[in-house]
């Protein structure tokens, strides 16, 4: 089944969004099993504390496909949520800014490649730095618009992919 693009690619302006999440370093191989475990842990934590939340996201802080990946599983909240020092869950934000984005079904790796290629072709600059640890992103995430608890088949999830752009990036138009 090929990747299906249902919206975008395009540039959007996003406000600062509060969130809570669990951040870990894990190898790329097996990363999605770790993601699934962290989602279950985070949902339990939030439900036990009656924290209202929206979409789940999977944020890629540092990407090294051949080494450790610095990732976070989180949920969007409508306000800053206090957390205790002994919790693995931490409060944070998805920063405001302009993002290259597209929404897809199936094949996240292909969708990521398509969005990065589109941004490059548009002359957009991703807000990232290259370090010995890998590509470090100001904000790169996948938001699961389909609730993973009600649709277990990942190949049917509607997923919004977003990568923050630098302030110097030119305006870009959508592709039809």
Foldseek 3Di string as FASTA:
>chain_A
DDKFWDWWQFKDWDAKFKKKKAKDKDALVCVVVVLVVRVVVAVVVCVVVVFDFDWWKKKFQFDDNGGITTIIIMTTGRDFDDDDPPDSMDMDIQHTAMKRKTKIADDPVVVVVVSVVVCVVQQWAFQWDQDPRHIGASIWMKTFNDPCVVPVDRNGTTIMTITHTDPPTDHDGTDD
